[in-house]
Amino acid sequence: MRGMHKIGLAAVLLGLAGCATVDTVSSPAPADKSARWAMLPIVNHTETPQAGLRAEGLAESLLRSEGVRDVTPYPASLSDDTLLEPSQRRGQDAALEWAKSQGMQYALTGSVEEWRYKVGVDGEPAVGITLQVIDVGSGKVIWSGAASKSGWSRDGLSAVAQKLIRGLIADAVK
């Protein structure tokens, strides 16, 4: 009977492991936590209004919780994300130029691919996101990650997003 419990537990763990996918490409050296960081736009590729802005807020806070002391968000005037045009996000180049003019060393940016509750009886939250760390001086991406995760019907969308973004940021600023 104990063998059956172990097999059942293994099946549950395998099922839980299938709920998230994470792919990252790391830089040769981790980004410096004590450097000046800019929070650049996270582009919204979803039908959910302001999903990019929601992801930006989480990412900025989670950067700080990972030990990045100096994080400055890009000026709101560079944002075109509105309730009427949720998938339109212009100004990433302008935001990067702003970061250069401010003497930032690194910038965090990315895109939201999914940010919704799935349709159906359970209505599980689902999030898909990409993040990139850019060396502001050269404009080159030094780290990138893509991840997606769906939660259980009792989970909140922001809680699933927070766990997902936290994992990506922890890898980016080791």
N, C-alpha and C. Protein backbone atom coordinates (compact mmCIF):
# COMPACT_ATOMS: atom_id res chain seq x y z
N MET A 1 0.81 -1.19 0.00
CA MET A 1 0.00 0.00 0.00
C MET A 1 0.86 1.26 0.00
N ARG A 2 2.00 1.20 0.69
CA ARG A 2 2.89 2.37 0.69
C ARG A 2 3.40 2.70 -0.70
N GLY A 3 3.63 1.67 -1.49
CA GLY A 3 4.10 1.88 -2.86
C GLY A 3 3.08 2.66 -3.68
N MET A 4 1.80 2.40 -3.45
CA MET A 4 0.75 3.11 -4.17
C MET A 4 0.73 4.59 -3.77
N HIS A 5 0.97 4.87 -2.49
CA HIS A 5 1.02 6.27 -2.04
C HIS A 5 2.18 7.00 -2.69
N LYS A 6 3.31 6.33 -2.80
CA LYS A 6 4.47 6.96 -3.43
C LYS A 6 4.22 7.22 -4.92
N ILE A 7 3.58 6.28 -5.57
CA ILE A 7 3.26 6.46 -6.99
C ILE A 7 2.27 7.61 -7.15
N GLY A 8 1.28 7.68 -6.28
CA GLY A 8 0.29 8.77 -6.34
C GLY A 8 0.94 10.11 -6.11
N LEU A 9 1.84 10.19 -5.11
CA LEU A 9 2.54 11.43 -4.84
C LEU A 9 3.40 11.84 -6.03
N ALA A 10 4.09 10.89 -6.64
CA ALA A 10 4.91 11.19 -7.81
C ALA A 10 4.06 11.72 -8.96
N ALA A 11 2.88 11.13 -9.16
CA ALA A 11 1.99 11.59 -10.23
C ALA A 11 1.52 13.01 -9.98
N VAL A 12 1.20 13.33 -8.73
CA VAL A 12 0.77 14.69 -8.39
C VAL A 12 1.90 15.68 -8.63
N LEU A 13 3.11 15.34 -8.20
CA LEU A 13 4.25 16.24 -8.40
C LEU A 13 4.54 16.46 -9.88
N LEU A 14 4.44 15.40 -10.68
CA LEU A 14 4.65 15.56 -12.12
C LEU A 14 3.56 16.45 -12.73
N GLY A 15 2.34 16.31 -12.27
CA GLY A 15 1.25 17.16 -12.76
C GLY A 15 1.47 18.61 -12.42
N LEU A 16 1.95 18.88 -11.20
CA LEU A 16 2.22 20.26 -10.80
C LEU A 16 3.38 20.85 -11.58
N ALA A 17 4.38 20.03 -11.87
CA ALA A 17 5.54 20.52 -12.62
C ALA A 17 5.15 20.94 -14.03
N GLY A 18 4.10 20.38 -14.58
CA GLY A 18 3.67 20.70 -15.93
C GLY A 18 2.92 22.01 -16.04
N CYS A 19 2.68 22.70 -14.94
CA CYS A 19 1.89 23.94 -14.95
C CYS A 19 2.72 25.17 -15.28
N ALA A 20 4.02 25.05 -15.35
CA ALA A 20 4.87 26.22 -15.62
C ALA A 20 5.96 25.85 -16.62
N THR A 21 6.30 26.82 -17.46
CA THR A 21 7.39 26.66 -18.40
C THR A 21 8.28 27.89 -18.28
N VAL A 22 9.59 27.67 -18.13
CA VAL A 22 10.53 28.78 -18.00
C VAL A 22 11.75 28.51 -18.87
N ASP A 23 12.12 29.47 -19.69
CA ASP A 23 13.33 29.40 -20.50
C ASP A 23 14.11 30.69 -20.28
N THR A 24 15.41 30.58 -19.99
CA THR A 24 16.22 31.78 -19.81
C THR A 24 17.55 31.65 -20.55
N VAL A 25 18.10 32.78 -20.91
CA VAL A 25 19.45 32.86 -21.46
C VAL A 25 20.19 33.86 -20.59
N SER A 26 21.21 33.40 -19.89
CA SER A 26 21.91 34.26 -18.94
C SER A 26 23.15 34.87 -19.55
N SER A 27 23.54 36.00 -18.99
CA SER A 27 24.77 36.66 -19.39
C SER A 27 25.95 35.93 -18.77
N PRO A 28 27.16 36.15 -19.27
CA PRO A 28 28.34 35.53 -18.67
C PRO A 28 28.52 35.94 -17.21
N ALA A 29 28.18 37.17 -16.87
CA ALA A 29 28.29 37.65 -15.49
C ALA A 29 26.95 38.25 -15.10
N PRO A 30 26.48 37.98 -13.88
CA PRO A 30 25.19 38.56 -13.47
C PRO A 30 25.23 40.09 -13.48
N ALA A 31 24.08 40.66 -13.71
CA ALA A 31 23.96 42.11 -13.69
C ALA A 31 24.21 42.61 -12.26
N ASP A 32 24.83 43.76 -12.14
CA ASP A 32 25.22 44.33 -10.85
C ASP A 32 24.01 44.93 -10.12
N LYS A 33 23.70 44.40 -8.95
CA LYS A 33 22.56 44.88 -8.17
C LYS A 33 22.76 46.30 -7.66
N SER A 34 24.01 46.74 -7.51
CA SER A 34 24.26 48.07 -6.97
C SER A 34 24.30 49.15 -8.06
N ALA A 35 24.14 48.76 -9.31
CA ALA A 35 24.15 49.71 -10.43
C ALA A 35 22.82 50.46 -10.50
N ARG A 36 22.77 51.49 -11.34
CA ARG A 36 21.53 52.23 -11.58
C ARG A 36 20.71 51.48 -12.63
N TRP A 37 19.48 51.17 -12.30
CA TRP A 37 18.58 50.41 -13.16
C TRP A 37 17.41 51.29 -13.60
N ALA A 38 16.94 51.05 -14.83
CA ALA A 38 15.74 51.70 -15.33
C ALA A 38 14.68 50.63 -15.57
N MET A 39 13.46 50.94 -15.20
CA MET A 39 12.32 50.08 -15.53
C MET A 39 11.72 50.64 -16.80
N LEU A 40 11.88 49.92 -17.91
CA LEU A 40 11.36 50.35 -19.21
C LEU A 40 9.99 49.72 -19.45
N PRO A 41 9.30 50.14 -20.51
CA PRO A 41 7.98 49.59 -20.79
C PRO A 41 7.99 48.07 -20.97
N ILE A 42 6.95 47.44 -20.48
CA ILE A 42 6.67 46.04 -20.78
C ILE A 42 5.48 46.07 -21.73
N VAL A 43 5.72 45.63 -22.94
CA VAL A 43 4.73 45.72 -24.01
C VAL A 43 3.59 44.74 -23.76
N ASN A 44 2.38 45.19 -23.98
CA ASN A 44 1.19 44.38 -23.80
C ASN A 44 0.74 43.79 -25.13
N HIS A 45 0.93 42.46 -25.29
CA HIS A 45 0.48 41.76 -26.50
C HIS A 45 -0.80 40.98 -26.24
N THR A 46 -1.52 41.35 -25.20
CA THR A 46 -2.74 40.62 -24.84
C THR A 46 -3.97 41.46 -25.15
N GLU A 47 -5.11 40.89 -24.90
CA GLU A 47 -6.36 41.63 -25.04
C GLU A 47 -6.78 42.21 -23.70
N THR A 48 -5.99 42.03 -22.67
CA THR A 48 -6.29 42.54 -21.34
C THR A 48 -5.75 43.96 -21.20
N PRO A 49 -6.62 44.92 -20.96
CA PRO A 49 -6.15 46.31 -20.83
C PRO A 49 -5.11 46.47 -19.72
N GLN A 50 -4.05 47.17 -20.04
CA GLN A 50 -3.00 47.57 -19.11
C GLN A 50 -2.24 46.41 -18.47
N ALA A 51 -2.22 45.26 -19.12
CA ALA A 51 -1.46 44.12 -18.58
C ALA A 51 0.03 44.46 -18.50
N GLY A 52 0.54 45.21 -19.46
CA GLY A 52 1.96 45.61 -19.43
C GLY A 52 2.27 46.48 -18.23
N LEU A 53 1.38 47.43 -17.94
CA LEU A 53 1.58 48.30 -16.79
C LEU A 53 1.51 47.51 -15.48
N ARG A 54 0.64 46.53 -15.41
CA ARG A 54 0.54 45.69 -14.22
C ARG A 54 1.83 44.90 -14.02
N ALA A 55 2.35 44.34 -15.12
CA ALA A 55 3.59 43.58 -15.05
C ALA A 55 4.77 44.49 -14.67
N GLU A 56 4.78 45.71 -15.18
CA GLU A 56 5.84 46.67 -14.82
C GLU A 56 5.85 46.94 -13.32
N GLY A 57 4.68 47.16 -12.75
CA GLY A 57 4.59 47.42 -11.31
C GLY A 57 5.13 46.27 -10.49
N LEU A 58 4.75 45.06 -10.86
CA LEU A 58 5.26 43.88 -10.16
C LEU A 58 6.77 43.75 -10.35
N ALA A 59 7.23 43.90 -11.59
CA ALA A 59 8.66 43.73 -11.87
C ALA A 59 9.51 44.74 -11.12
N GLU A 60 9.07 45.99 -11.08
CA GLU A 60 9.83 47.02 -10.37
C GLU A 60 9.94 46.67 -8.89
N SER A 61 8.84 46.28 -8.29
CA SER A 61 8.84 45.92 -6.87
C SER A 61 9.71 44.69 -6.61
N LEU A 62 9.62 43.71 -7.49
CA LEU A 62 10.39 42.48 -7.30
C LEU A 62 11.88 42.69 -7.55
N LEU A 63 12.24 43.63 -8.43
CA LEU A 63 13.66 43.98 -8.58
C LEU A 63 14.21 44.49 -7.25
N ARG A 64 13.45 45.35 -6.61
CA ARG A 64 13.87 45.89 -5.31
C ARG A 64 13.98 44.77 -4.26
N SER A 65 13.03 43.84 -4.27
CA SER A 65 13.06 42.76 -3.28
C SER A 65 14.23 41.81 -3.51
N GLU A 66 14.77 41.80 -4.72
CA GLU A 66 15.95 40.98 -5.03
C GLU A 66 17.26 41.72 -4.75
N GLY A 67 17.18 42.93 -4.20
CA GLY A 67 18.39 43.64 -3.79
C GLY A 67 18.85 44.75 -4.71
N VAL A 68 18.12 45.04 -5.78
CA VAL A 68 18.46 46.16 -6.65
C VAL A 68 17.96 47.42 -5.96
N ARG A 69 18.88 48.26 -5.52
CA ARG A 69 18.53 49.42 -4.70
C ARG A 69 18.04 50.62 -5.49
N ASP A 70 18.62 50.83 -6.66
CA ASP A 70 18.36 52.05 -7.44
C ASP A 70 17.61 51.69 -8.72
N VAL A 71 16.28 51.72 -8.66
CA VAL A 71 15.43 51.43 -9.82
C VAL A 71 14.58 52.66 -10.09
N THR A 72 14.64 53.16 -11.32
CA THR A 72 13.86 54.33 -11.71
C THR A 72 12.94 53.96 -12.87
N PRO A 73 11.64 54.14 -12.71
CA PRO A 73 10.74 53.86 -13.83
C PRO A 73 10.83 54.95 -14.89
N TYR A 74 10.59 54.58 -16.13
CA TYR A 74 10.60 55.55 -17.22
C TYR A 74 9.46 56.56 -17.02
N PRO A 75 9.57 57.75 -17.58
CA PRO A 75 8.53 58.76 -17.40
C PRO A 75 7.19 58.31 -17.99
N ALA A 76 6.12 58.59 -17.29
CA ALA A 76 4.78 58.21 -17.75
C ALA A 76 4.44 58.82 -19.11
N SER A 77 5.05 59.94 -19.43
CA SER A 77 4.76 60.60 -20.70
C SER A 77 5.20 59.74 -21.90
N LEU A 78 6.06 58.75 -21.67
CA LEU A 78 6.51 57.88 -22.76
C LEU A 78 5.59 56.68 -22.95
N SER A 79 4.56 56.54 -22.14
CA SER A 79 3.66 55.40 -22.20
C SER A 79 2.44 55.71 -23.05
N ASP A 80 2.11 54.79 -23.95
CA ASP A 80 0.90 54.91 -24.77
C ASP A 80 -0.13 53.85 -24.40
N ASP A 81 0.10 53.10 -23.33
CA ASP A 81 -0.83 52.05 -22.94
C ASP A 81 -2.09 52.68 -22.35
N THR A 82 -3.22 52.43 -22.98
CA THR A 82 -4.48 52.99 -22.52
C THR A 82 -5.54 51.91 -22.46
N LEU A 83 -6.65 52.21 -21.86
CA LEU A 83 -7.76 51.26 -21.83
C LEU A 83 -8.33 51.03 -23.23
N LEU A 84 -8.24 52.02 -24.09
CA LEU A 84 -8.82 51.91 -25.42
C LEU A 84 -7.91 51.19 -26.41
N GLU A 85 -6.62 51.18 -26.17
CA GLU A 85 -5.68 50.52 -27.05
C GLU A 85 -4.76 49.62 -26.22
N PRO A 86 -5.28 48.50 -25.69
CA PRO A 86 -4.50 47.69 -24.76
C PRO A 86 -3.27 47.02 -25.38
N SER A 87 -3.28 46.77 -26.68
CA SER A 87 -2.14 46.06 -27.25
C SER A 87 -1.09 47.01 -27.83
N GLN A 88 -1.35 48.30 -27.79
CA GLN A 88 -0.41 49.27 -28.34
C GLN A 88 0.57 49.74 -27.28
N ARG A 89 1.85 49.55 -27.52
CA ARG A 89 2.86 50.02 -26.57
C ARG A 89 4.02 50.59 -27.37
N ARG A 90 4.04 51.88 -27.49
CA ARG A 90 5.11 52.54 -28.23
C ARG A 90 6.08 53.16 -27.25
N GLY A 91 7.21 53.52 -27.73
CA GLY A 91 8.12 54.29 -26.90
C GLY A 91 9.24 53.52 -26.25
N GLN A 92 9.43 52.23 -26.59
CA GLN A 92 10.54 51.51 -25.96
C GLN A 92 11.88 52.14 -26.34
N ASP A 93 12.02 52.54 -27.60
CA ASP A 93 13.27 53.18 -28.02
C ASP A 93 13.45 54.51 -27.31
N ALA A 94 12.37 55.27 -27.19
CA ALA A 94 12.44 56.56 -26.48
C ALA A 94 12.77 56.34 -25.01
N ALA A 95 12.21 55.29 -24.42
CA ALA A 95 12.49 54.99 -23.01
C ALA A 95 13.95 54.57 -22.82
N LEU A 96 14.49 53.83 -23.78
CA LEU A 96 15.91 53.44 -23.70
C LEU A 96 16.80 54.67 -23.85
N GLU A 97 16.44 55.58 -24.74
CA GLU A 97 17.21 56.83 -24.87
C GLU A 97 17.14 57.64 -23.59
N TRP A 98 15.96 57.67 -22.96
CA TRP A 98 15.82 58.35 -21.68
C TRP A 98 16.75 57.72 -20.64
N ALA A 99 16.80 56.39 -20.59
CA ALA A 99 17.67 55.69 -19.63
C ALA A 99 19.14 56.04 -19.87
N LYS A 100 19.54 56.13 -21.13
CA LYS A 100 20.93 56.52 -21.46
C LYS A 100 21.20 57.94 -20.97
N SER A 101 20.24 58.84 -21.20
CA SER A 101 20.44 60.24 -20.80
C SER A 101 20.51 60.39 -19.28
N GLN A 102 19.95 59.45 -18.54
CA GLN A 102 19.96 59.50 -17.08
C GLN A 102 21.16 58.76 -16.47
N GLY A 103 22.00 58.17 -17.33
CA GLY A 103 23.18 57.47 -16.84
C GLY A 103 22.90 56.11 -16.23
N MET A 104 21.82 55.48 -16.64
CA MET A 104 21.49 54.14 -16.13
C MET A 104 22.45 53.12 -16.73
N GLN A 105 22.73 52.06 -15.96
CA GLN A 105 23.61 51.01 -16.46
C GLN A 105 22.81 49.85 -17.05
N TYR A 106 21.71 49.48 -16.40
CA TYR A 106 20.89 48.38 -16.86
C TYR A 106 19.44 48.83 -16.97
N ALA A 107 18.70 48.11 -17.81
CA ALA A 107 17.27 48.37 -17.95
C ALA A 107 16.54 47.04 -18.03
N LEU A 108 15.37 46.98 -17.41
CA LEU A 108 14.51 45.80 -17.49
C LEU A 108 13.32 46.15 -18.36
N THR A 109 13.04 45.31 -19.34
CA THR A 109 11.92 45.49 -20.24
C THR A 109 11.36 44.12 -20.61
N GLY A 110 10.37 44.09 -21.46
CA GLY A 110 9.83 42.80 -21.86
C GLY A 110 8.48 42.93 -22.53
N SER A 111 7.73 41.84 -22.49
CA SER A 111 6.39 41.82 -23.07
C SER A 111 5.51 40.82 -22.33
N VAL A 112 4.22 41.11 -22.34
CA VAL A 112 3.24 40.20 -21.76
C VAL A 112 2.52 39.52 -22.92
N GLU A 113 2.56 38.19 -22.92
CA GLU A 113 1.93 37.42 -24.00
C GLU A 113 0.56 36.89 -23.59
N GLU A 114 0.37 36.67 -22.28
CA GLU A 114 -0.91 36.19 -21.77
C GLU A 114 -1.11 36.73 -20.37
N TRP A 115 -2.33 37.17 -20.09
CA TRP A 115 -2.66 37.74 -18.78
C TRP A 115 -4.18 37.67 -18.65
N ARG A 116 -4.69 36.52 -18.20
CA ARG A 116 -6.14 36.35 -18.21
C ARG A 116 -6.55 35.18 -17.32
N TYR A 117 -7.84 35.10 -17.12
CA TYR A 117 -8.44 33.90 -16.53
C TYR A 117 -8.96 33.07 -17.69
N LYS A 118 -8.62 31.78 -17.71
CA LYS A 118 -9.09 30.92 -18.78
C LYS A 118 -10.60 30.76 -18.71
N VAL A 119 -11.21 30.61 -19.86
CA VAL A 119 -12.65 30.42 -19.94
C VAL A 119 -12.97 28.97 -19.59
N GLY A 120 -13.99 28.78 -18.80
CA GLY A 120 -14.39 27.43 -18.44
C GLY A 120 -14.92 27.38 -17.03
N VAL A 121 -15.19 26.18 -16.58
CA VAL A 121 -15.77 25.98 -15.27
C VAL A 121 -14.86 26.49 -14.16
N ASP A 122 -13.57 26.19 -14.27
CA ASP A 122 -12.64 26.54 -13.20
C ASP A 122 -12.07 27.94 -13.30
N GLY A 123 -11.93 28.48 -14.50
CA GLY A 123 -11.41 29.83 -14.69
C GLY A 123 -10.02 30.04 -14.13
N GLU A 124 -9.08 29.16 -14.48
CA GLU A 124 -7.72 29.27 -13.95
C GLU A 124 -7.01 30.51 -14.48
N PRO A 125 -6.19 31.17 -13.64
CA PRO A 125 -5.39 32.30 -14.11
C PRO A 125 -4.23 31.80 -14.96
N ALA A 126 -3.90 32.54 -16.01
CA ALA A 126 -2.79 32.16 -16.89
C ALA A 126 -1.98 33.41 -17.24
N VAL A 127 -0.66 33.28 -17.13
CA VAL A 127 0.24 34.39 -17.41
C VAL A 127 1.37 33.88 -18.29
N GLY A 128 1.73 34.67 -19.30
CA GLY A 128 2.90 34.41 -20.13
C GLY A 128 3.66 35.70 -20.28
N ILE A 129 4.95 35.68 -20.04
CA ILE A 129 5.73 36.93 -20.05
C ILE A 129 7.15 36.67 -20.52
N THR A 130 7.74 37.68 -21.14
CA THR A 130 9.17 37.66 -21.44
C THR A 130 9.79 38.87 -20.76
N LEU A 131 11.00 38.72 -20.29
CA LEU A 131 11.75 39.84 -19.70
C LEU A 131 13.15 39.85 -20.30
N GLN A 132 13.72 41.04 -20.43
CA GLN A 132 15.09 41.21 -20.89
C GLN A 132 15.80 42.23 -20.02
N VAL A 133 17.06 41.96 -19.73
CA VAL A 133 17.92 42.95 -19.09
C VAL A 133 18.83 43.48 -20.20
N ILE A 134 18.83 44.80 -20.34
CA ILE A 134 19.61 45.46 -21.39
C ILE A 134 20.75 46.22 -20.75
N ASP A 135 21.95 46.10 -21.33
CA ASP A 135 23.06 46.97 -20.98
C ASP A 135 22.77 48.29 -21.69
N VAL A 136 22.43 49.31 -20.94
CA VAL A 136 21.95 50.56 -21.52
C VAL A 136 23.00 51.21 -22.42
N GLY A 137 24.26 51.17 -22.03
CA GLY A 137 25.32 51.80 -22.82
C GLY A 137 25.43 51.23 -24.23
N SER A 138 25.38 49.91 -24.34
CA SER A 138 25.53 49.26 -25.64
C SER A 138 24.20 48.98 -26.32
N GLY A 139 23.13 48.95 -25.53
CA GLY A 139 21.82 48.61 -26.08
C GLY A 139 21.62 47.12 -26.29
N LYS A 140 22.58 46.31 -25.83
CA LYS A 140 22.51 44.86 -26.05
C LYS A 140 21.79 44.16 -24.91
N VAL A 141 21.03 43.14 -25.27
CA VAL A 141 20.36 42.30 -24.28
C VAL A 141 21.42 41.38 -23.67
N ILE A 142 21.58 41.47 -22.33
CA ILE A 142 22.56 40.62 -21.66
C ILE A 142 21.92 39.44 -20.94
N TRP A 143 20.60 39.48 -20.81
CA TRP A 143 19.87 38.36 -20.21
C TRP A 143 18.45 38.41 -20.75
N SER A 144 17.88 37.25 -21.01
CA SER A 144 16.48 37.20 -21.39
C SER A 144 15.84 35.94 -20.84
N GLY A 145 14.57 36.04 -20.57
CA GLY A 145 13.83 34.91 -20.06
C GLY A 145 12.40 34.96 -20.53
N ALA A 146 11.83 33.79 -20.74
CA ALA A 146 10.42 33.68 -21.11
C ALA A 146 9.80 32.63 -20.21
N ALA A 147 8.62 32.92 -19.71
CA ALA A 147 7.97 31.98 -18.81
C ALA A 147 6.46 32.07 -18.95
N SER A 148 5.82 30.97 -18.68
CA SER A 148 4.36 30.95 -18.63
C SER A 148 3.92 30.04 -17.50
N LYS A 149 2.79 30.36 -16.93
CA LYS A 149 2.29 29.59 -15.80
C LYS A 149 0.79 29.75 -15.72
N SER A 150 0.13 28.67 -15.37
CA SER A 150 -1.29 28.76 -15.06
C SER A 150 -1.48 28.27 -13.63
N GLY A 151 -2.41 28.87 -12.95
CA GLY A 151 -2.67 28.51 -11.56
C GLY A 151 -3.94 27.70 -11.44
N TRP A 152 -4.33 27.51 -10.22
CA TRP A 152 -5.58 26.81 -9.92
C TRP A 152 -6.71 27.82 -9.89
N SER A 153 -7.94 27.34 -9.93
CA SER A 153 -9.09 28.23 -9.99
C SER A 153 -9.19 29.14 -8.76
N ARG A 154 -8.61 28.74 -7.65
CA ARG A 154 -8.67 29.57 -6.44
C ARG A 154 -7.54 30.60 -6.37
N ASP A 155 -6.59 30.53 -7.31
CA ASP A 155 -5.46 31.47 -7.33
C ASP A 155 -5.86 32.78 -8.01
N GLY A 156 -5.26 33.86 -7.55
CA GLY A 156 -5.46 35.15 -8.18
C GLY A 156 -4.48 35.33 -9.33
N LEU A 157 -4.89 36.07 -10.33
CA LEU A 157 -4.04 36.33 -11.49
C LEU A 157 -2.75 37.04 -11.10
N SER A 158 -2.85 38.04 -10.24
CA SER A 158 -1.64 38.78 -9.84
C SER A 158 -0.70 37.90 -9.01
N ALA A 159 -1.24 36.96 -8.25
CA ALA A 159 -0.39 36.06 -7.47
C ALA A 159 0.40 35.13 -8.38
N VAL A 160 -0.24 34.63 -9.42
CA VAL A 160 0.46 33.77 -10.39
C VAL A 160 1.52 34.59 -11.12
N ALA A 161 1.16 35.82 -11.53
CA ALA A 161 2.12 36.69 -12.22
C ALA A 161 3.31 37.02 -11.32
N GLN A 162 3.04 37.30 -10.06
CA GLN A 162 4.11 37.65 -9.13
C GLN A 162 5.09 36.50 -8.97
N LYS A 163 4.60 35.29 -8.81
CA LYS A 163 5.49 34.12 -8.68
C LYS A 163 6.34 33.95 -9.94
N LEU A 164 5.70 34.11 -11.09
CA LEU A 164 6.39 33.93 -12.36
C LEU A 164 7.47 34.99 -12.57
N ILE A 165 7.11 36.25 -12.35
CA ILE A 165 8.07 37.35 -12.54
C ILE A 165 9.18 37.26 -11.51
N ARG A 166 8.87 36.89 -10.26
CA ARG A 166 9.89 36.74 -9.24
C ARG A 166 10.95 35.72 -9.66
N GLY A 167 10.51 34.60 -10.20
CA GLY A 167 11.46 33.58 -10.66
C GLY A 167 12.36 34.08 -11.77
N LEU A 168 11.79 34.82 -12.72
CA LEU A 168 12.60 35.36 -13.81
C LEU A 168 13.61 36.38 -13.28
N ILE A 169 13.16 37.30 -12.45
CA ILE A 169 14.05 38.35 -11.94
C ILE A 169 15.14 37.76 -11.06
N ALA A 170 14.81 36.78 -10.25
CA ALA A 170 15.82 36.14 -9.40
C ALA A 170 16.92 35.54 -10.27
N ASP A 171 16.57 34.99 -11.42
CA ASP A 171 17.58 34.44 -12.34
C ASP A 171 18.39 35.55 -13.01
N ALA A 172 17.74 36.67 -13.27
CA ALA A 172 18.41 37.77 -13.99
C ALA A 172 19.43 38.50 -13.14
N VAL A 173 19.21 38.59 -11.83
CA VAL A 173 20.09 39.38 -10.96
C VAL A 173 20.73 38.52 -9.87
N LYS A 174 21.11 37.33 -10.21
CA LYS A 174 21.73 36.39 -9.25
C LYS A 174 22.79 37.04 -8.40
